Amino acid sequence: MPFGDIFGAFYNIFGLILLLVGVFIFAVGFYGFKRKRLIENTPTSKIRSLAMGLVEIYGDVIPAQGKTLVSPLTQKNCVYYHYLVERYEEHYNSSTKKTEGRWVTVQNEKHSIPFDLQDETGMVLVDPNQASIQISKNYETRQGNMRYTEWYIEPNEKLYILGTAGENPNRIEDSASHVENIMIQKGREEKQYLISDKSEKQLLKSLSIMMYVPWCIGIVLIVAGVIILLRLI
């Protein structure tokens, strides 16, 4: 095969790869777009007036029946913790003739218990099981080639929650308040269940980045791929 044909085939493949990768990255941006629109279109509810279905609430964490966990690394009382233990390992790459290193996970565990969320109007039970929990890192330290990281949710911490108000399995038949028979949980049909220590405004800002950055990168790659392919037609 002539060199020109090989060169042309290579550029055709390269252009096609750029185009496909660009389309994929552009599509990733729609994840941030869908979640952003959902948060924008879901009004924040007062706990006292919660209705069944998808809800958005904001309030303070109160341990349900006074029960808490203890985080393993910092010994903090909490209702959720996630700790990660990693080891830094080096190896010689014969291809690059360089020593390369990477962090290898040794332990990665998450634990949670139901807790109450309280605003100025009332309190509702929250089951964090199956939620996408997005909170800031609370602790990180290194000892030799080991790294220890921990995230946790403490009592009195403010949380934003987008989840489903469903039936409380421990419902009280003659309760004076309907909220006592509600539990925020992962819905059977609703895919979105988010718990965050960020405010709604902060979440929308980070989701905008998750949306626009992939779109910009995707468009650049798509245009580059199309230009390369069109030049060879």
C-alpha atoms as a PDB file:
ATOM      1  CA  MET A   1       0.000   0.000   0.000  1.00  0.00           C
ATOM      2  CA  PRO A   2       1.419   3.405  -0.977  1.00  0.00           C
ATOM      3  CA  PHE A   3       2.594   5.612   1.856  1.00  0.00           C
ATOM      4  CA  GLY A   4       0.012   8.267   0.928  1.00  0.00           C
ATOM      5  CA  ASP A   5      -2.836   5.758   1.325  1.00  0.00           C
ATOM      6  CA  ILE A   6      -1.514   4.622   4.726  1.00  0.00           C
ATOM      7  CA  PHE A   7      -1.164   8.251   5.830  1.00  0.00           C
ATOM      8  CA  GLY A   8      -4.706   9.038   4.649  1.00  0.00           C
ATOM      9  CA  ALA A   9      -6.168   5.981   6.366  1.00  0.00           C
ATOM     10  CA  PHE A  10      -4.426   6.938   9.606  1.00  0.00           C
ATOM     11  CA  TYR A  11      -5.873  10.449   9.505  1.00  0.00           C
ATOM     12  CA  ASN A  12      -9.315   9.100   8.684  1.00  0.00           C
ATOM     13  CA  ILE A  13      -9.170   6.880  11.776  1.00  0.00           C
ATOM     14  CA  PHE A  14      -7.747   9.710  13.895  1.00  0.00           C
ATOM     15  CA  GLY A  15     -10.504  12.077  12.757  1.00  0.00           C
ATOM     16  CA  LEU A  16     -13.189   9.473  13.450  1.00  0.00           C
ATOM     17  CA  ILE A  17     -11.794   8.827  16.940  1.00  0.00           C
ATOM     18  CA  LEU A  18     -11.811  12.572  17.710  1.00  0.00           C
ATOM     19  CA  LEU A  19     -15.383  12.804  16.468  1.00  0.00           C
ATOM     20  CA  LEU A  20     -16.625   9.849  18.551  1.00  0.00           C
ATOM     21  CA  VAL A  21     -14.790  10.937  21.704  1.00  0.00           C
ATOM     22  CA  GLY A  22     -16.175  14.447  21.251  1.00  0.00           C
ATOM     23  CA  VAL A  23     -19.728  13.135  20.940  1.00  0.00           C
ATOM     24  CA  PHE A  24     -19.265  11.021  24.089  1.00  0.00           C
ATOM     25  CA  ILE A  25     -17.848  13.912  26.152  1.00  0.00           C
ATOM     26  CA  PHE A  26     -20.587  16.231  24.890  1.00  0.00           C
ATOM     27  CA  ALA A  27     -23.195  13.666  25.990  1.00  0.00           C
ATOM     28  CA  VAL A  28     -21.618  13.502  29.467  1.00  0.00           C
ATOM     29  CA  GLY A  29     -22.459  17.190  29.875  1.00  0.00           C
ATOM     30  CA  PHE A  30     -26.155  16.324  29.691  1.00  0.00           C
ATOM     31  CA  TYR A  31     -25.875  14.511  33.047  1.00  0.00           C
ATOM     32  CA  GLY A  32     -25.009  17.791  34.749  1.00  0.00           C
ATOM     33  CA  PHE A  33     -27.644  19.580  32.650  1.00  0.00           C
ATOM     34  CA  LYS A  34     -30.449  17.177  33.679  1.00  0.00           C
ATOM     35  CA  ARG A  35     -29.581  17.319  37.386  1.00  0.00           C
ATOM     36  CA  LYS A  36     -29.231  21.119  37.253  1.00  0.00           C
ATOM     37  CA  ARG A  37     -32.653  21.509  35.623  1.00  0.00           C
ATOM     38  CA  LEU A  38     -34.211  19.126  38.145  1.00  0.00           C
ATOM     39  CA  ILE A  39     -32.824  21.109  41.107  1.00  0.00           C
ATOM     40  CA  GLU A  40     -33.887  24.415  39.517  1.00  0.00           C
ATOM     41  CA  ASN A  41     -37.411  23.127  38.866  1.00  0.00           C
ATOM     42  CA  THR A  42     -37.920  21.543  42.305  1.00  0.00           C
ATOM     43  CA  PRO A  43     -38.902  24.183  44.892  1.00  0.00           C
ATOM     44  CA  THR A  44     -37.492  23.874  48.405  1.00  0.00           C
ATOM     45  CA  SER A  45     -40.238  22.525  50.669  1.00  0.00           C
ATOM     46  CA  LYS A  46     -40.833  23.320  54.317  1.00  0.00           C
ATOM     47  CA  ILE A  47     -40.730  20.075  56.269  1.00  0.00           C
ATOM     48  CA  ARG A  48     -44.075  20.703  57.957  1.00  0.00           C
ATOM     49  CA  SER A  49     -45.828  20.816  54.564  1.00  0.00           C
ATOM     50  CA  LEU A  50     -44.066  17.922  52.801  1.00  0.00           C
ATOM     51  CA  ALA A  51     -46.076  16.020  50.197  1.00  0.00           C
ATOM     52  CA  MET A  52     -45.352  12.525  48.932  1.00  0.00           C
ATOM     53  CA  GLY A  53     -43.040  12.323  45.933  1.00  0.00           C
ATOM     54  CA  LEU A  54     -39.826  14.075  44.876  1.00  0.00           C
ATOM     55  CA  VAL A  55     -38.923  16.865  47.313  1.00  0.00           C
ATOM     56  CA  GLU A  56     -36.111  19.280  48.038  1.00  0.00           C
ATOM     57  CA  ILE A  57     -35.375  20.158  51.677  1.00  0.00           C
ATOM     58  CA  TYR A  58     -32.662  21.983  53.603  1.00  0.00           C
ATOM     59  CA  GLY A  59     -32.002  21.830  57.322  1.00  0.00           C
ATOM     60  CA  ASP A  60     -29.922  20.641  60.275  1.00  0.00           C
ATOM     61  CA  VAL A  61     -28.933  17.056  61.042  1.00  0.00           C
ATOM     62  CA  ILE A  62     -30.421  15.655  64.265  1.00  0.00           C
ATOM     63  CA  PRO A  63     -29.494  12.093  65.354  1.00  0.00           C
ATOM     64  CA  ALA A  64     -32.635   9.927  65.210  1.00  0.00           C
ATOM     65  CA  GLN A  65     -33.415   8.707  68.749  1.00  0.00           C
ATOM     66  CA  GLY A  66     -29.996  10.048  69.752  1.00  0.00           C
ATOM     67  CA  LYS A  67     -28.152   7.303  67.828  1.00  0.00           C
ATOM     68  CA  THR A  68     -24.833   8.083  66.133  1.00  0.00           C
ATOM     69  CA  LEU A  69     -21.854   6.322  64.568  1.00  0.00           C
ATOM     70  CA  VAL A  70     -18.194   6.951  65.420  1.00  0.00           C
ATOM     71  CA  SER A  71     -15.898   7.663  62.487  1.00  0.00           C
ATOM     72  CA  PRO A  72     -12.901   5.277  62.542  1.00  0.00           C
ATOM     73  CA  LEU A  73     -10.113   7.761  61.817  1.00  0.00           C
ATOM     74  CA  THR A  74     -11.098  10.878  63.771  1.00  0.00           C
ATOM     75  CA  GLN A  75     -13.520   9.349  66.302  1.00  0.00           C
ATOM     76  CA  LYS A  76     -16.229  11.885  65.456  1.00  0.00           C
ATOM     77  CA  ASN A  77     -19.879  11.290  66.342  1.00  0.00           C
ATOM     78  CA  CYS A  78     -21.703  11.206  63.015  1.00  0.00           C
ATOM     79  CA  VAL A  79     -24.607   9.733  61.070  1.00  0.00           C
ATOM     80  CA  TYR A  80     -22.493   8.891  58.002  1.00  0.00           C
ATOM     81  CA  TYR A  81     -18.821   8.274  57.363  1.00  0.00           C
ATOM     82  CA  HIS A  82     -16.666   7.238  54.460  1.00  0.00           C
ATOM     83  CA  TYR A  83     -13.026   6.417  55.022  1.00  0.00           C
ATOM     84  CA  LEU A  84     -10.364   5.558  52.502  1.00  0.00           C
ATOM     85  CA  VAL A  85      -6.939   4.036  53.137  1.00  0.00           C
ATOM     86  CA  GLU A  86      -4.433   4.063  50.254  1.00  0.00           C
ATOM     87  CA  ARG A  87      -0.860   2.886  49.762  1.00  0.00           C
ATOM     88  CA  TYR A  88       1.578   4.536  47.357  1.00  0.00           C
ATOM     89  CA  GLU A  89       3.301   1.932  45.194  1.00  0.00           C
ATOM     90  CA  GLU A  90       6.121   2.462  42.710  1.00  0.00           C
ATOM     91  CA  HIS A  91       7.140   0.286  39.793  1.00  0.00           C
ATOM     92  CA  TYR A  92       9.630   0.498  36.937  1.00  0.00           C
ATOM     93  CA  ASN A  93       8.065   1.011  33.509  1.00  0.00           C
ATOM     94  CA  SER A  94      10.315  -0.712  30.995  1.00  0.00           C
ATOM     95  CA  SER A  95       8.632   1.127  28.088  1.00  0.00           C
ATOM     96  CA  THR A  96       9.328   4.636  29.379  1.00  0.00           C
ATOM     97  CA  LYS A  97      12.377   3.541  31.417  1.00  0.00           C
ATOM     98  CA  LYS A  98      11.054   5.544  34.351  1.00  0.00           C
ATOM     99  CA  THR A  99       9.874   4.774  37.854  1.00  0.00           C
ATOM    100  CA  GLU A 100       6.147   5.434  38.115  1.00  0.00           C
ATOM    101  CA  GLY A 101       3.875   5.491  41.153  1.00  0.00           C
ATOM    102  CA  ARG A 102       0.187   5.320  41.940  1.00  0.00           C
ATOM    103  CA  TRP A 103      -2.154   5.187  44.925  1.00  0.00           C
ATOM    104  CA  VAL A 104      -3.660   1.751  45.532  1.00  0.00           C
ATOM    105  CA  THR A 105      -6.807   1.374  47.643  1.00  0.00           C
ATOM    106  CA  VAL A 106      -6.316  -0.728  50.770  1.00  0.00           C
ATOM    107  CA  GLN A 107      -9.651   0.001  52.497  1.00  0.00           C
ATOM    108  CA  ASN A 108     -12.718   1.856  51.258  1.00  0.00           C
ATOM    109  CA  GLU A 109     -15.765   1.725  53.523  1.00  0.00           C
ATOM    110  CA  LYS A 110     -18.991   3.685  53.966  1.00  0.00           C
ATOM    111  CA  HIS A 111     -21.518   3.434  56.788  1.00  0.00           C
ATOM    112  CA  SER A 112     -24.692   5.372  57.523  1.00  0.00           C
ATOM    113  CA  ILE A 113     -27.747   5.321  59.764  1.00  0.00           C
ATOM    114  CA  PRO A 114     -31.115   7.075  59.424  1.00  0.00           C
ATOM    115  CA  PHE A 115     -31.210  10.579  60.876  1.00  0.00           C
ATOM    116  CA  ASP A 116     -33.673  13.455  61.228  1.00  0.00           C
ATOM    117  CA  LEU A 117     -33.444  16.685  59.264  1.00  0.00           C
ATOM    118  CA  GLN A 118     -34.906  19.744  60.953  1.00  0.00           C
ATOM    119  CA  ASP A 119     -35.868  23.176  59.665  1.00  0.00           C
ATOM    120  CA  GLU A 120     -37.806  25.962  61.368  1.00  0.00           C
ATOM    121  CA  THR A 121     -41.135  24.205  60.701  1.00  0.00           C
ATOM    122  CA  GLY A 122     -40.496  20.605  61.716  1.00  0.00           C
ATOM    123  CA  MET A 123     -38.411  17.449  61.463  1.00  0.00           C
ATOM    124  CA  VAL A 124     -38.459  14.456  59.096  1.00  0.00           C
ATOM    125  CA  LEU A 125     -36.652  11.109  59.074  1.00  0.00           C
ATOM    126  CA  VAL A 126     -34.020  10.555  56.352  1.00  0.00           C
ATOM    127  CA  ASP A 127     -32.687   7.174  55.233  1.00  0.00           C
ATOM    128  CA  PRO A 128     -29.376   7.931  53.437  1.00  0.00           C
ATOM    129  CA  ASN A 129     -29.103   4.402  52.023  1.00  0.00           C
ATOM    130  CA  GLN A 130     -28.555   4.471  48.217  1.00  0.00           C
ATOM    131  CA  ALA A 131     -28.145   8.257  48.174  1.00  0.00           C
ATOM    132  CA  SER A 132     -25.445   9.998  46.161  1.00  0.00           C
ATOM    133  CA  ILE A 133     -23.652  11.671  49.083  1.00  0.00           C
ATOM    134  CA  GLN A 134     -21.523  14.615  47.998  1.00  0.00           C
ATOM    135  CA  ILE A 135     -19.766  16.216  50.948  1.00  0.00           C
ATOM    136  CA  SER A 136     -16.464  17.950  51.548  1.00  0.00           C
ATOM    137  CA  LYS A 137     -13.426  16.049  52.768  1.00  0.00           C
ATOM    138  CA  ASN A 138     -13.057  16.382  56.554  1.00  0.00           C
ATOM    139  CA  TYR A 139      -9.681  14.772  57.199  1.00  0.00           C
ATOM    140  CA  GLU A 140      -6.577  13.645  55.323  1.00  0.00           C
ATOM    141  CA  THR A 141      -3.130  12.656  56.516  1.00  0.00           C
ATOM    142  CA  ARG A 142      -0.110  10.754  55.240  1.00  0.00           C
ATOM    143  CA  GLN A 143       2.142   8.416  57.161  1.00  0.00           C
ATOM    144  CA  GLY A 144       5.059   7.135  55.127  1.00  0.00           C
ATOM    145  CA  ASN A 145       3.628   5.629  51.952  1.00  0.00           C
ATOM    146  CA  MET A 146       0.090   5.468  53.413  1.00  0.00           C
ATOM    147  CA  ARG A 147      -2.682   8.035  52.969  1.00  0.00           C
ATOM    148  CA  TYR A 148      -5.788   8.216  55.165  1.00  0.00           C
ATOM    149  CA  THR A 149      -8.882  10.195  54.131  1.00  0.00           C
ATOM    150  CA  GLU A 150     -12.263  10.606  55.831  1.00  0.00           C
ATOM    151  CA  TRP A 151     -15.614  12.227  55.106  1.00  0.00           C
ATOM    152  CA  TYR A 152     -18.451  12.408  57.634  1.00  0.00           C
ATOM    153  CA  ILE A 153     -21.787  14.073  58.422  1.00  0.00           C
ATOM    154  CA  GLU A 154     -21.999  15.399  61.977  1.00  0.00           C
ATOM    155  CA  PRO A 155     -25.021  16.331  64.117  1.00  0.00           C
ATOM    156  CA  ASN A 156     -26.166  19.953  63.568  1.00  0.00           C
ATOM    157  CA  GLU A 157     -24.550  20.036  60.123  1.00  0.00           C
ATOM    158  CA  LYS A 158     -26.652  21.686  57.426  1.00  0.00           C
ATOM    159  CA  LEU A 159     -27.613  19.494  54.476  1.00  0.00           C
ATOM    160  CA  TYR A 160     -29.345  19.909  51.140  1.00  0.00           C
ATOM    161  CA  ILE A 161     -31.410  16.851  50.188  1.00  0.00           C
ATOM    162  CA  LEU A 162     -33.168  16.024  46.933  1.00  0.00           C
ATOM    163  CA  GLY A 163     -35.043  12.777  47.445  1.00  0.00           C
ATOM    164  CA  THR A 164     -38.376  11.019  47.614  1.00  0.00           C
ATOM    165  CA  ALA A 165     -40.800  11.571  50.471  1.00  0.00           C
ATOM    166  CA  GLY A 166     -42.247   8.118  51.022  1.00  0.00           C
ATOM    167  CA  GLU A 167     -43.887   6.123  53.757  1.00  0.00           C
ATOM    168  CA  ASN A 168     -42.037   5.758  57.054  1.00  0.00           C
ATOM    169  CA  PRO A 169     -41.867   1.997  57.843  1.00  0.00           C
ATOM    170  CA  ASN A 170     -42.178   2.904  61.524  1.00  0.00           C
ATOM    171  CA  ARG A 171     -45.275   5.019  60.931  1.00  0.00           C
ATOM    172  CA  ILE A 172     -47.425   6.047  63.882  1.00  0.00           C
ATOM    173  CA  GLU A 173     -51.107   5.323  63.215  1.00  0.00           C
ATOM    174  CA  ASP A 174     -52.555   8.084  65.425  1.00  0.00           C
ATOM    175  CA  SER A 175     -49.795  10.656  64.898  1.00  0.00           C
ATOM    176  CA  ALA A 176     -50.806  14.290  65.251  1.00  0.00           C
ATOM    177  CA  SER A 177     -48.375  15.244  62.472  1.00  0.00           C
ATOM    178  CA  HIS A 178     -48.366  13.613  59.023  1.00  0.00           C
ATOM    179  CA  VAL A 179     -44.601  14.297  58.773  1.00  0.00           C
ATOM    180  CA  GLU A 180     -43.943  11.614  61.404  1.00  0.00           C
ATOM    181  CA  ASN A 181     -45.214   9.070  58.876  1.00  0.00           C
ATOM    182  CA  ILE A 182     -42.875  10.281  56.115  1.00  0.00           C
ATOM    183  CA  MET A 183     -39.306   9.217  55.422  1.00  0.00           C
ATOM    184  CA  ILE A 184     -36.981  10.733  52.799  1.00  0.00           C
ATOM    185  CA  GLN A 185     -35.554   7.852  50.801  1.00  0.00           C
ATOM    186  CA  LYS A 186     -34.526   6.501  47.421  1.00  0.00           C
ATOM    187  CA  GLY A 187     -37.674   6.393  45.305  1.00  0.00           C
ATOM    188  CA  ARG A 188     -38.704   3.332  43.346  1.00  0.00           C
ATOM    189  CA  GLU A 189     -39.130   5.327  40.154  1.00  0.00           C
ATOM    190  CA  GLU A 190     -37.103   8.461  40.882  1.00  0.00           C
ATOM    191  CA  LYS A 191     -33.435   8.007  39.965  1.00  0.00           C
ATOM    192  CA  GLN A 192     -32.252  11.130  41.754  1.00  0.00           C
ATOM    193  CA  TYR A 193     -31.358  10.953  45.443  1.00  0.00           C
ATOM    194  CA  LEU A 194     -28.782  13.538  46.441  1.00  0.00           C
ATOM    195  CA  ILE A 195     -27.429  14.519  49.860  1.00  0.00           C
ATOM    196  CA  SER A 196     -24.934  17.388  49.970  1.00  0.00           C
ATOM    197  CA  ASP A 197     -23.347  19.763  52.464  1.00  0.00           C
ATOM    198  CA  LYS A 198     -23.460  22.484  49.786  1.00  0.00           C
ATOM    199  CA  SER A 199     -26.290  24.972  49.442  1.00  0.00           C
ATOM    200  CA  GLU A 200     -28.557  24.894  46.394  1.00  0.00           C
ATOM    201  CA  LYS A 201     -26.705  27.890  44.934  1.00  0.00           C
ATOM    202  CA  GLN A 202     -23.327  26.168  45.340  1.00  0.00           C
ATOM    203  CA  LEU A 203     -24.676  22.948  43.811  1.00  0.00           C
ATOM    204  CA  LEU A 204     -26.034  24.767  40.777  1.00  0.00           C
ATOM    205  CA  LYS A 205     -22.667  26.457  40.260  1.00  0.00           C
ATOM    206  CA  SER A 206     -20.755  23.149  40.355  1.00  0.00           C
ATOM    207  CA  LEU A 207     -23.327  21.500  38.062  1.00  0.00           C
ATOM    208  CA  SER A 208     -22.910  24.363  35.583  1.00  0.00           C
ATOM    209  CA  ILE A 209     -19.201  23.519  35.425  1.00  0.00           C
ATOM    210  CA  MET A 210     -20.047  19.820  34.979  1.00  0.00           C
ATOM    211  CA  MET A 211     -22.290  20.850  32.094  1.00  0.00           C
ATOM    212  CA  TYR A 212     -20.353  23.535  30.223  1.00  0.00           C
ATOM    213  CA  VAL A 213     -16.825  22.103  30.457  1.00  0.00           C
ATOM    214  CA  PRO A 214     -17.730  18.768  28.766  1.00  0.00           C
ATOM    215  CA  TRP A 215     -19.806  20.622  26.192  1.00  0.00           C
ATOM    216  CA  CYS A 216     -16.925  22.949  25.288  1.00  0.00           C
ATOM    217  CA  ILE A 217     -14.393  20.103  25.108  1.00  0.00           C
ATOM    218  CA  GLY A 218     -16.840  17.939  23.176  1.00  0.00           C
ATOM    219  CA  ILE A 219     -17.556  20.653  20.597  1.00  0.00           C
ATOM    220  CA  VAL A 220     -13.825  21.302  20.062  1.00  0.00           C
ATOM    221  CA  LEU A 221     -13.144  17.583  19.488  1.00  0.00           C
ATOM    222  CA  ILE A 222     -16.172  17.173  17.210  1.00  0.00           C
ATOM    223  CA  VAL A 223     -15.159  20.160  15.076  1.00  0.00           C
ATOM    224  CA  ALA A 224     -11.542  18.951  14.919  1.00  0.00           C
ATOM    225  CA  GLY A 225     -12.670  15.473  13.874  1.00  0.00           C
ATOM    226  CA  VAL A 226     -14.993  16.817  11.180  1.00  0.00           C
ATOM    227  CA  ILE A 227     -12.274  19.137   9.817  1.00  0.00           C
ATOM    228  CA  ILE A 228      -9.804  16.248   9.545  1.00  0.00           C
ATOM    229  CA  LEU A 229     -12.347  13.999   7.814  1.00  0.00           C
ATOM    230  CA  LEU A 230     -13.557  16.691   5.405  1.00  0.00           C
ATOM    231  CA  ARG A 231     -10.027  17.545   4.298  1.00  0.00           C
ATOM    232  CA  LEU A 232      -9.617  13.978   3.062  1.00  0.00           C
ATOM    233  CA  ILE A 233     -12.850  13.810   1.074  1.00  0.00           C
END
